[in-house]
Amino acid sequence: MSEIPRGRCETHDGDAQLLRFAVELSHPLSEVWEAVATPEGLEGWLCAADPLEPRLGGRVTLRWLNGDTVVSGRVTAWDPEYVAEYTVDPTHGRIRFHLEPGAPGGGSTVLRFTNELRADREYRLDCLAGWHDHFERLVAALDGRPSDWAAWSPERWQHLRDLYERDEATWPKWVP
């Protein structure tokens, strides 16, 4: 399916969702940090960020370039080169990028991503597919191929969403 491992979800208190992805990226920590914590980096795979005040308590507005979604909030965790966390309006909740060095001597980075939000089943599946698609785009952007948002279409997202929905069914399961 893709080199991105399937995302997982924990449900708490009915509709409180914690989405998780762990992605090993074959790029050094400094490059991945630029991609998840700067307006220039984010635009290549996720969204426009304006403003993005790079400090705890700083303002952040994220505008997805493949639709009309705009969310605003605050930087709620900031540890340069390791943790960038944005807490935005409730539809997207808390978005956290936690970076760790990969295997010794390999020059890789492990991205541990969490998204905490309130969502029903349908929106949770939408978000799992959306983040999966965006992490595929992150890999491409780090490899020098940023997203061409003008050419974006929903087919890949829909395919991923169908797989996540099928994974929740009792049969058949999918294998990444």
N, C-alpha and C. Protein backbone atom coordinates (compact mmCIF):
# COMPACT_ATOMS: atom_id res chain seq x y z
N MET A 1 0.82 -1.19 0.00
CA MET A 1 0.00 0.00 0.00
C MET A 1 0.86 1.25 0.00
N SER A 2 1.73 1.39 0.99
CA SER A 2 2.61 2.55 1.04
C SER A 2 3.70 2.28 2.06
N GLU A 3 4.72 3.11 2.03
CA GLU A 3 5.79 2.95 3.01
C GLU A 3 5.43 3.55 4.36
N ILE A 4 4.29 4.19 4.45
CA ILE A 4 3.83 4.78 5.71
C ILE A 4 3.07 3.70 6.48
N PRO A 5 3.51 3.38 7.70
CA PRO A 5 2.74 2.41 8.49
C PRO A 5 1.35 2.94 8.80
N ARG A 6 0.43 2.03 8.88
CA ARG A 6 -0.96 2.38 9.14
C ARG A 6 -1.09 3.12 10.47
N GLY A 7 -1.91 4.15 10.48
CA GLY A 7 -2.18 4.89 11.71
C GLY A 7 -3.09 4.10 12.62
N ARG A 8 -3.03 4.42 13.89
CA ARG A 8 -3.85 3.75 14.90
C ARG A 8 -4.70 4.80 15.62
N CYS A 9 -5.75 4.32 16.27
CA CYS A 9 -6.63 5.23 16.99
C CYS A 9 -7.02 4.60 18.32
N GLU A 10 -7.02 5.44 19.34
CA GLU A 10 -7.57 5.07 20.64
C GLU A 10 -8.77 5.97 20.88
N THR A 11 -9.87 5.36 21.33
CA THR A 11 -11.09 6.13 21.63
C THR A 11 -11.28 6.17 23.13
N HIS A 12 -11.57 7.36 23.64
CA HIS A 12 -11.81 7.57 25.07
C HIS A 12 -13.08 8.39 25.24
N ASP A 13 -13.84 8.09 26.26
CA ASP A 13 -15.02 8.89 26.60
C ASP A 13 -15.95 9.10 25.42
N GLY A 14 -16.18 8.08 24.64
CA GLY A 14 -17.14 8.17 23.55
C GLY A 14 -16.59 8.72 22.26
N ASP A 15 -16.30 10.02 22.21
CA ASP A 15 -15.86 10.62 20.95
C ASP A 15 -14.49 11.28 21.03
N ALA A 16 -13.75 11.10 22.11
CA ALA A 16 -12.39 11.63 22.20
C ALA A 16 -11.46 10.64 21.50
N GLN A 17 -10.80 11.09 20.46
CA GLN A 17 -9.96 10.23 19.64
C GLN A 17 -8.50 10.64 19.78
N LEU A 18 -7.61 9.66 19.82
CA LEU A 18 -6.17 9.91 19.79
C LEU A 18 -5.62 9.12 18.61
N LEU A 19 -5.31 9.83 17.53
CA LEU A 19 -4.74 9.21 16.34
C LEU A 19 -3.23 9.18 16.49
N ARG A 20 -2.61 8.06 16.08
CA ARG A 20 -1.16 7.91 16.22
C ARG A 20 -0.54 7.36 14.94
N PHE A 21 0.59 7.94 14.58
CA PHE A 21 1.42 7.42 13.50
C PHE A 21 2.86 7.43 13.99
N ALA A 22 3.61 6.40 13.64
CA ALA A 22 5.06 6.38 13.87
C ALA A 22 5.69 6.11 12.50
N VAL A 23 6.48 7.07 12.04
CA VAL A 23 7.02 7.02 10.68
C VAL A 23 8.53 7.19 10.74
N GLU A 24 9.26 6.22 10.18
CA GLU A 24 10.71 6.34 10.06
C GLU A 24 11.00 7.02 8.73
N LEU A 25 11.71 8.14 8.80
CA LEU A 25 12.02 8.94 7.61
C LEU A 25 13.52 8.89 7.36
N SER A 26 13.91 8.69 6.13
CA SER A 26 15.33 8.54 5.80
C SER A 26 16.01 9.88 5.57
N HIS A 27 15.72 10.81 6.47
CA HIS A 27 16.29 12.15 6.40
C HIS A 27 16.71 12.57 7.80
N PRO A 28 17.74 13.42 7.89
CA PRO A 28 18.21 13.85 9.21
C PRO A 28 17.16 14.68 9.95
N LEU A 29 17.27 14.66 11.25
CA LEU A 29 16.34 15.35 12.13
C LEU A 29 16.16 16.81 11.73
N SER A 30 17.24 17.50 11.39
CA SER A 30 17.13 18.92 11.06
C SER A 30 16.23 19.16 9.84
N GLU A 31 16.29 18.27 8.85
CA GLU A 31 15.44 18.43 7.66
C GLU A 31 13.97 18.15 7.99
N VAL A 32 13.73 17.14 8.81
CA VAL A 32 12.36 16.82 9.19
C VAL A 32 11.79 17.95 10.05
N TRP A 33 12.61 18.49 10.95
CA TRP A 33 12.15 19.62 11.77
C TRP A 33 11.70 20.78 10.89
N GLU A 34 12.49 21.11 9.90
CA GLU A 34 12.11 22.20 8.99
C GLU A 34 10.77 21.91 8.32
N ALA A 35 10.51 20.65 8.01
CA ALA A 35 9.28 20.28 7.32
C ALA A 35 8.04 20.37 8.22
N VAL A 36 8.20 20.14 9.52
CA VAL A 36 7.03 20.12 10.41
C VAL A 36 6.89 21.38 11.26
N ALA A 37 7.91 22.25 11.24
CA ALA A 37 7.89 23.37 12.18
C ALA A 37 8.17 24.73 11.54
N THR A 38 8.13 24.80 10.22
CA THR A 38 8.31 26.09 9.55
C THR A 38 7.23 26.27 8.49
N PRO A 39 6.82 27.49 8.23
CA PRO A 39 5.82 27.71 7.18
C PRO A 39 6.28 27.16 5.82
N GLU A 40 7.56 27.34 5.50
CA GLU A 40 8.07 26.87 4.21
C GLU A 40 8.00 25.35 4.12
N GLY A 41 8.36 24.69 5.19
CA GLY A 41 8.34 23.23 5.19
C GLY A 41 6.93 22.67 5.17
N LEU A 42 6.05 23.21 5.99
CA LEU A 42 4.67 22.71 6.06
C LEU A 42 3.94 22.83 4.73
N GLU A 43 4.20 23.91 4.01
CA GLU A 43 3.50 24.14 2.75
C GLU A 43 3.80 23.06 1.71
N GLY A 44 4.96 22.43 1.80
CA GLY A 44 5.33 21.41 0.82
C GLY A 44 4.59 20.09 0.96
N TRP A 45 3.90 19.88 2.10
CA TRP A 45 3.24 18.58 2.28
C TRP A 45 1.94 18.63 3.07
N LEU A 46 1.68 19.72 3.78
CA LEU A 46 0.50 19.73 4.65
C LEU A 46 -0.41 20.92 4.41
N CYS A 47 0.10 22.12 4.69
CA CYS A 47 -0.76 23.31 4.66
C CYS A 47 0.10 24.56 4.71
N ALA A 48 -0.55 25.69 4.47
CA ALA A 48 0.10 26.98 4.69
C ALA A 48 -0.01 27.30 6.18
N ALA A 49 1.01 27.90 6.74
CA ALA A 49 1.00 28.29 8.15
C ALA A 49 1.35 29.77 8.23
N ASP A 50 0.34 30.59 8.48
CA ASP A 50 0.56 32.03 8.55
C ASP A 50 -0.53 32.65 9.42
N PRO A 51 -0.20 33.06 10.62
CA PRO A 51 1.16 33.08 11.18
C PRO A 51 1.53 31.74 11.81
N LEU A 52 2.82 31.56 12.01
CA LEU A 52 3.36 30.49 12.85
C LEU A 52 4.45 31.13 13.68
N GLU A 53 4.12 31.42 14.92
CA GLU A 53 5.08 32.04 15.84
C GLU A 53 5.80 30.91 16.58
N PRO A 54 7.08 30.68 16.25
CA PRO A 54 7.81 29.50 16.75
C PRO A 54 8.26 29.61 18.20
N ARG A 55 7.27 29.53 19.09
CA ARG A 55 7.55 29.60 20.52
C ARG A 55 6.32 29.11 21.27
N LEU A 56 6.53 28.66 22.49
CA LEU A 56 5.43 28.24 23.33
C LEU A 56 4.45 29.40 23.49
N GLY A 57 3.19 29.17 23.23
CA GLY A 57 2.17 30.21 23.32
C GLY A 57 2.01 31.03 22.06
N GLY A 58 2.87 30.81 21.06
CA GLY A 58 2.78 31.57 19.82
C GLY A 58 1.50 31.28 19.05
N ARG A 59 1.10 32.23 18.24
CA ARG A 59 -0.10 32.06 17.41
C ARG A 59 0.21 31.16 16.22
N VAL A 60 -0.81 30.41 15.79
CA VAL A 60 -0.67 29.60 14.58
C VAL A 60 -2.02 29.56 13.87
N THR A 61 -1.96 29.71 12.56
CA THR A 61 -3.12 29.51 11.70
C THR A 61 -2.68 28.58 10.58
N LEU A 62 -3.42 27.49 10.42
CA LEU A 62 -3.11 26.49 9.39
C LEU A 62 -4.22 26.53 8.35
N ARG A 63 -3.81 26.64 7.08
CA ARG A 63 -4.77 26.69 5.96
C ARG A 63 -4.42 25.58 4.98
N TRP A 64 -5.30 24.56 4.93
CA TRP A 64 -5.06 23.45 4.02
C TRP A 64 -5.20 23.93 2.58
N LEU A 65 -4.26 23.52 1.74
CA LEU A 65 -4.20 24.02 0.37
C LEU A 65 -4.95 23.12 -0.62
N ASN A 66 -5.52 22.02 -0.12
CA ASN A 66 -6.32 21.14 -0.97
C ASN A 66 -7.81 21.28 -0.65
N GLY A 67 -8.18 22.37 -0.02
CA GLY A 67 -9.58 22.61 0.34
C GLY A 67 -9.71 23.99 0.96
N ASP A 68 -10.78 24.16 1.72
CA ASP A 68 -11.01 25.48 2.31
C ASP A 68 -10.92 25.47 3.83
N THR A 69 -10.26 24.46 4.39
CA THR A 69 -10.13 24.36 5.84
C THR A 69 -9.09 25.33 6.37
N VAL A 70 -9.48 26.13 7.35
CA VAL A 70 -8.58 27.05 8.04
C VAL A 70 -8.83 26.89 9.53
N VAL A 71 -7.77 26.66 10.31
CA VAL A 71 -7.90 26.52 11.76
C VAL A 71 -6.85 27.40 12.44
N SER A 72 -7.22 27.96 13.57
CA SER A 72 -6.32 28.83 14.32
C SER A 72 -6.21 28.37 15.75
N GLY A 73 -5.07 28.69 16.36
CA GLY A 73 -4.87 28.34 17.76
C GLY A 73 -3.52 28.81 18.25
N ARG A 74 -2.90 27.98 19.09
CA ARG A 74 -1.63 28.31 19.74
C ARG A 74 -0.63 27.18 19.62
N VAL A 75 0.64 27.55 19.71
CA VAL A 75 1.71 26.57 19.84
C VAL A 75 1.70 26.14 21.31
N THR A 76 1.41 24.87 21.57
CA THR A 76 1.24 24.41 22.95
C THR A 76 2.41 23.55 23.44
N ALA A 77 3.35 23.27 22.58
CA ALA A 77 4.63 22.65 22.98
C ALA A 77 5.64 23.03 21.92
N TRP A 78 6.84 23.39 22.36
CA TRP A 78 7.88 23.81 21.41
C TRP A 78 9.24 23.50 22.02
N ASP A 79 9.90 22.49 21.49
CA ASP A 79 11.24 22.11 21.88
C ASP A 79 12.02 21.99 20.58
N PRO A 80 12.72 23.07 20.17
CA PRO A 80 13.34 23.11 18.84
C PRO A 80 14.10 21.83 18.50
N GLU A 81 13.82 21.36 17.31
CA GLU A 81 14.34 20.15 16.68
C GLU A 81 13.74 18.86 17.21
N TYR A 82 12.82 18.94 18.20
CA TYR A 82 12.25 17.72 18.75
C TYR A 82 10.72 17.70 18.82
N VAL A 83 10.10 18.78 19.28
CA VAL A 83 8.65 18.77 19.48
C VAL A 83 8.04 20.07 18.97
N ALA A 84 7.05 19.92 18.09
CA ALA A 84 6.20 21.04 17.67
C ALA A 84 4.77 20.57 17.85
N GLU A 85 4.01 21.32 18.64
CA GLU A 85 2.62 20.95 18.90
C GLU A 85 1.76 22.17 18.71
N TYR A 86 0.69 21.98 17.93
CA TYR A 86 -0.24 23.05 17.64
C TYR A 86 -1.63 22.62 18.13
N THR A 87 -2.24 23.42 18.98
CA THR A 87 -3.60 23.15 19.42
C THR A 87 -4.48 24.20 18.76
N VAL A 88 -5.36 23.71 17.89
CA VAL A 88 -6.18 24.60 17.07
C VAL A 88 -7.65 24.31 17.35
N ASP A 89 -8.52 24.98 16.62
CA ASP A 89 -9.95 24.84 16.94
C ASP A 89 -10.37 23.37 16.96
N PRO A 90 -11.48 23.08 17.61
CA PRO A 90 -11.84 21.70 17.96
C PRO A 90 -11.90 20.70 16.81
N THR A 91 -12.16 21.14 15.60
CA THR A 91 -12.26 20.15 14.52
C THR A 91 -10.94 19.44 14.25
N HIS A 92 -9.82 20.09 14.55
CA HIS A 92 -8.51 19.46 14.35
C HIS A 92 -7.77 19.23 15.66
N GLY A 93 -8.17 19.86 16.74
CA GLY A 93 -7.65 19.56 18.06
C GLY A 93 -6.16 19.82 18.24
N ARG A 94 -5.51 18.87 18.93
CA ARG A 94 -4.08 18.99 19.23
C ARG A 94 -3.29 18.15 18.23
N ILE A 95 -2.36 18.79 17.54
CA ILE A 95 -1.54 18.17 16.50
C ILE A 95 -0.10 18.21 17.00
N ARG A 96 0.52 17.03 17.22
CA ARG A 96 1.86 16.99 17.82
C ARG A 96 2.82 16.18 16.95
N PHE A 97 3.95 16.81 16.64
CA PHE A 97 5.05 16.17 15.94
C PHE A 97 6.20 16.00 16.94
N HIS A 98 6.56 14.77 17.22
CA HIS A 98 7.67 14.49 18.14
C HIS A 98 8.74 13.76 17.34
N LEU A 99 9.93 14.35 17.25
CA LEU A 99 11.01 13.79 16.44
C LEU A 99 12.08 13.17 17.33
N GLU A 100 12.60 12.03 16.88
CA GLU A 100 13.69 11.34 17.56
C GLU A 100 14.69 10.91 16.51
N PRO A 101 15.98 10.87 16.87
CA PRO A 101 16.95 10.31 15.93
C PRO A 101 16.60 8.86 15.63
N GLY A 102 16.81 8.46 14.38
CA GLY A 102 16.56 7.07 13.99
C GLY A 102 17.71 6.18 14.41
N ALA A 103 17.89 5.10 13.70
CA ALA A 103 18.93 4.13 14.02
C ALA A 103 20.30 4.80 14.04
N PRO A 104 21.16 4.40 14.97
CA PRO A 104 22.49 5.02 15.07
C PRO A 104 23.25 4.96 13.74
N GLY A 105 23.82 6.10 13.38
CA GLY A 105 24.63 6.19 12.18
C GLY A 105 23.85 6.20 10.89
N GLY A 106 22.54 6.14 10.96
CA GLY A 106 21.74 6.04 9.74
C GLY A 106 21.29 7.37 9.18
N GLY A 107 21.36 8.44 9.97
CA GLY A 107 20.91 9.74 9.49
C GLY A 107 19.40 9.82 9.30
N SER A 108 18.66 8.93 9.94
CA SER A 108 17.22 8.94 9.78
C SER A 108 16.55 9.56 11.02
N THR A 109 15.25 9.77 10.90
CA THR A 109 14.46 10.38 11.97
C THR A 109 13.18 9.58 12.15
N VAL A 110 12.79 9.39 13.39
CA VAL A 110 11.50 8.79 13.69
C VAL A 110 10.54 9.92 14.06
N LEU A 111 9.45 10.00 13.34
CA LEU A 111 8.39 10.97 13.62
C LEU A 111 7.29 10.23 14.37
N ARG A 112 7.04 10.64 15.60
CA ARG A 112 5.91 10.11 16.37
C ARG A 112 4.85 11.21 16.39
N PHE A 113 3.78 10.94 15.71
CA PHE A 113 2.72 11.92 15.51
C PHE A 113 1.48 11.53 16.30
N THR A 114 0.87 12.52 16.94
CA THR A 114 -0.44 12.31 17.56
C THR A 114 -1.37 13.46 17.20
N ASN A 115 -2.62 13.13 17.06
CA ASN A 115 -3.68 14.11 16.83
C ASN A 115 -4.82 13.76 17.77
N GLU A 116 -5.05 14.64 18.74
CA GLU A 116 -6.11 14.42 19.72
C GLU A 116 -7.26 15.34 19.37
N LEU A 117 -8.44 14.74 19.14
CA LEU A 117 -9.59 15.52 18.72
C LEU A 117 -10.87 14.80 19.11
N ARG A 118 -11.97 15.50 19.01
CA ARG A 118 -13.29 14.90 19.21
C ARG A 118 -13.86 14.60 17.83
N ALA A 119 -14.28 13.34 17.65
CA ALA A 119 -14.77 12.96 16.32
C ALA A 119 -15.65 11.73 16.41
N ASP A 120 -16.65 11.68 15.54
CA ASP A 120 -17.42 10.45 15.40
C ASP A 120 -16.64 9.50 14.49
N ARG A 121 -17.16 8.32 14.26
CA ARG A 121 -16.47 7.30 13.48
C ARG A 121 -16.10 7.80 12.08
N GLU A 122 -17.04 8.44 11.40
CA GLU A 122 -16.80 8.87 10.02
C GLU A 122 -15.68 9.91 9.95
N TYR A 123 -15.70 10.89 10.84
CA TYR A 123 -14.66 11.92 10.82
C TYR A 123 -13.30 11.33 11.23
N ARG A 124 -13.31 10.38 12.17
CA ARG A 124 -12.06 9.71 12.58
C ARG A 124 -11.43 9.00 11.38
N LEU A 125 -12.24 8.29 10.60
CA LEU A 125 -11.72 7.61 9.41
C LEU A 125 -11.20 8.62 8.38
N ASP A 126 -11.93 9.73 8.22
CA ASP A 126 -11.47 10.80 7.33
C ASP A 126 -10.09 11.29 7.75
N CYS A 127 -9.91 11.51 9.06
CA CYS A 127 -8.64 12.04 9.57
C CYS A 127 -7.50 11.03 9.43
N LEU A 128 -7.77 9.76 9.74
CA LEU A 128 -6.72 8.75 9.57
C LEU A 128 -6.24 8.71 8.12
N ALA A 129 -7.19 8.70 7.19
CA ALA A 129 -6.82 8.69 5.77
C ALA A 129 -6.09 9.98 5.38
N GLY A 130 -6.57 11.10 5.90
CA GLY A 130 -5.94 12.38 5.57
C GLY A 130 -4.51 12.45 6.06
N TRP A 131 -4.28 12.07 7.32
CA TRP A 131 -2.90 12.12 7.83
C TRP A 131 -2.02 11.13 7.09
N HIS A 132 -2.53 9.95 6.78
CA HIS A 132 -1.74 8.97 6.03
C HIS A 132 -1.30 9.57 4.68
N ASP A 133 -2.26 10.15 3.98
CA ASP A 133 -1.97 10.80 2.70
C ASP A 133 -0.93 11.91 2.88
N HIS A 134 -1.08 12.71 3.91
CA HIS A 134 -0.12 13.80 4.13
C HIS A 134 1.26 13.27 4.48
N PHE A 135 1.36 12.17 5.21
CA PHE A 135 2.68 11.63 5.51
C PHE A 135 3.35 11.04 4.26
N GLU A 136 2.57 10.51 3.33
CA GLU A 136 3.15 10.12 2.04
C GLU A 136 3.70 11.36 1.33
N ARG A 137 2.97 12.45 1.44
CA ARG A 137 3.42 13.71 0.83
C ARG A 137 4.65 14.26 1.53
N LEU A 138 4.74 14.06 2.85
CA LEU A 138 5.93 14.48 3.59
C LEU A 138 7.16 13.76 3.07
N VAL A 139 7.06 12.46 2.86
CA VAL A 139 8.19 11.68 2.32
C VAL A 139 8.60 12.26 0.97
N ALA A 140 7.63 12.51 0.11
CA ALA A 140 7.94 13.07 -1.22
C ALA A 140 8.58 14.45 -1.09
N ALA A 141 8.06 15.29 -0.21
CA ALA A 141 8.62 16.64 -0.03
C ALA A 141 10.06 16.57 0.47
N LEU A 142 10.31 15.68 1.41
CA LEU A 142 11.69 15.53 1.92
C LEU A 142 12.62 15.02 0.83
N ASP A 143 12.07 14.25 -0.12
CA ASP A 143 12.86 13.76 -1.25
C ASP A 143 12.96 14.78 -2.38
N GLY A 144 12.49 16.01 -2.15
CA GLY A 144 12.61 17.07 -3.14
C GLY A 144 11.43 17.21 -4.07
N ARG A 145 10.30 16.57 -3.73
CA ARG A 145 9.11 16.65 -4.57
C ARG A 145 7.93 17.18 -3.74
N PRO A 146 7.90 18.50 -3.48
CA PRO A 146 6.78 19.05 -2.69
C PRO A 146 5.46 18.89 -3.43
N SER A 147 4.39 18.91 -2.69
CA SER A 147 3.05 18.73 -3.27
C SER A 147 2.70 19.87 -4.21
N ASP A 148 2.11 19.51 -5.33
CA ASP A 148 1.54 20.48 -6.26
C ASP A 148 0.05 20.55 -5.93
N TRP A 149 -0.30 21.48 -5.07
CA TRP A 149 -1.67 21.54 -4.56
C TRP A 149 -2.68 21.85 -5.66
N ALA A 150 -2.26 22.52 -6.72
CA ALA A 150 -3.19 22.81 -7.81
C ALA A 150 -3.62 21.52 -8.52
N ALA A 151 -2.79 20.49 -8.47
CA ALA A 151 -3.09 19.23 -9.14
C ALA A 151 -3.69 18.19 -8.18
N TRP A 152 -3.95 18.57 -6.94
CA TRP A 152 -4.47 17.62 -5.95
C TRP A 152 -5.85 17.11 -6.36
N SER A 153 -6.06 15.82 -6.14
CA SER A 153 -7.40 15.24 -6.32
C SER A 153 -7.62 14.25 -5.18
N PRO A 154 -8.88 13.93 -4.88
CA PRO A 154 -9.18 13.12 -3.70
C PRO A 154 -9.05 11.60 -3.89
N GLU A 155 -8.63 11.12 -5.03
CA GLU A 155 -8.63 9.68 -5.28
C GLU A 155 -7.75 8.91 -4.29
N ARG A 156 -6.53 9.37 -4.04
CA ARG A 156 -5.65 8.66 -3.11
C ARG A 156 -6.24 8.68 -1.70
N TRP A 157 -6.73 9.84 -1.27
CA TRP A 157 -7.36 9.93 0.04
C TRP A 157 -8.52 8.95 0.14
N GLN A 158 -9.37 8.89 -0.87
CA GLN A 158 -10.53 8.01 -0.84
C GLN A 158 -10.11 6.55 -0.75
N HIS A 159 -9.07 6.18 -1.49
CA HIS A 159 -8.55 4.80 -1.42
C HIS A 159 -8.09 4.48 0.00
N LEU A 160 -7.33 5.39 0.60
CA LEU A 160 -6.87 5.17 1.97
C LEU A 160 -8.04 5.10 2.94
N ARG A 161 -9.01 5.97 2.77
CA ARG A 161 -10.16 5.95 3.67
C ARG A 161 -10.90 4.63 3.56
N ASP A 162 -11.08 4.13 2.34
CA ASP A 162 -11.72 2.84 2.16
C ASP A 162 -10.96 1.73 2.89
N LEU A 163 -9.64 1.79 2.84
CA LEU A 163 -8.83 0.78 3.54
C LEU A 163 -8.99 0.89 5.05
N TYR A 164 -8.97 2.10 5.58
CA TYR A 164 -9.17 2.27 7.03
C TYR A 164 -10.57 1.80 7.44
N GLU A 165 -11.57 2.09 6.63
CA GLU A 165 -12.92 1.64 6.96
C GLU A 165 -13.01 0.12 6.91
N ARG A 166 -12.39 -0.48 5.90
CA ARG A 166 -12.41 -1.94 5.79
C ARG A 166 -11.66 -2.57 6.96
N ASP A 167 -10.61 -1.90 7.44
CA ASP A 167 -9.85 -2.44 8.57
C ASP A 167 -10.70 -2.55 9.83
N GLU A 168 -11.68 -1.68 9.96
CA GLU A 168 -12.56 -1.73 11.13
C GLU A 168 -13.63 -2.80 11.01
N ALA A 169 -13.86 -3.26 9.80
CA ALA A 169 -14.88 -4.28 9.59
C ALA A 169 -14.37 -5.63 10.10
N THR A 170 -15.29 -6.53 10.37
CA THR A 170 -14.87 -7.85 10.83
C THR A 170 -14.21 -8.65 9.73
N TRP A 171 -14.57 -8.36 8.46
CA TRP A 171 -13.95 -9.06 7.32
C TRP A 171 -14.23 -8.27 6.06
N PRO A 172 -13.39 -8.11 5.09
CA PRO A 172 -12.00 -8.57 5.06
C PRO A 172 -11.07 -7.51 5.60
N LYS A 173 -9.93 -7.89 6.09
CA LYS A 173 -8.91 -6.97 6.59
C LYS A 173 -7.96 -6.62 5.44
N TRP A 174 -7.23 -5.53 5.58
CA TRP A 174 -6.21 -5.18 4.59
C TRP A 174 -4.86 -5.21 5.24
N VAL A 175 -3.88 -5.43 4.42
CA VAL A 175 -2.50 -5.47 4.89
C VAL A 175 -1.75 -4.36 4.20
N PRO A 176 -1.07 -3.50 4.97
CA PRO A 176 -0.36 -2.39 4.32
C PRO A 176 0.79 -2.86 3.45
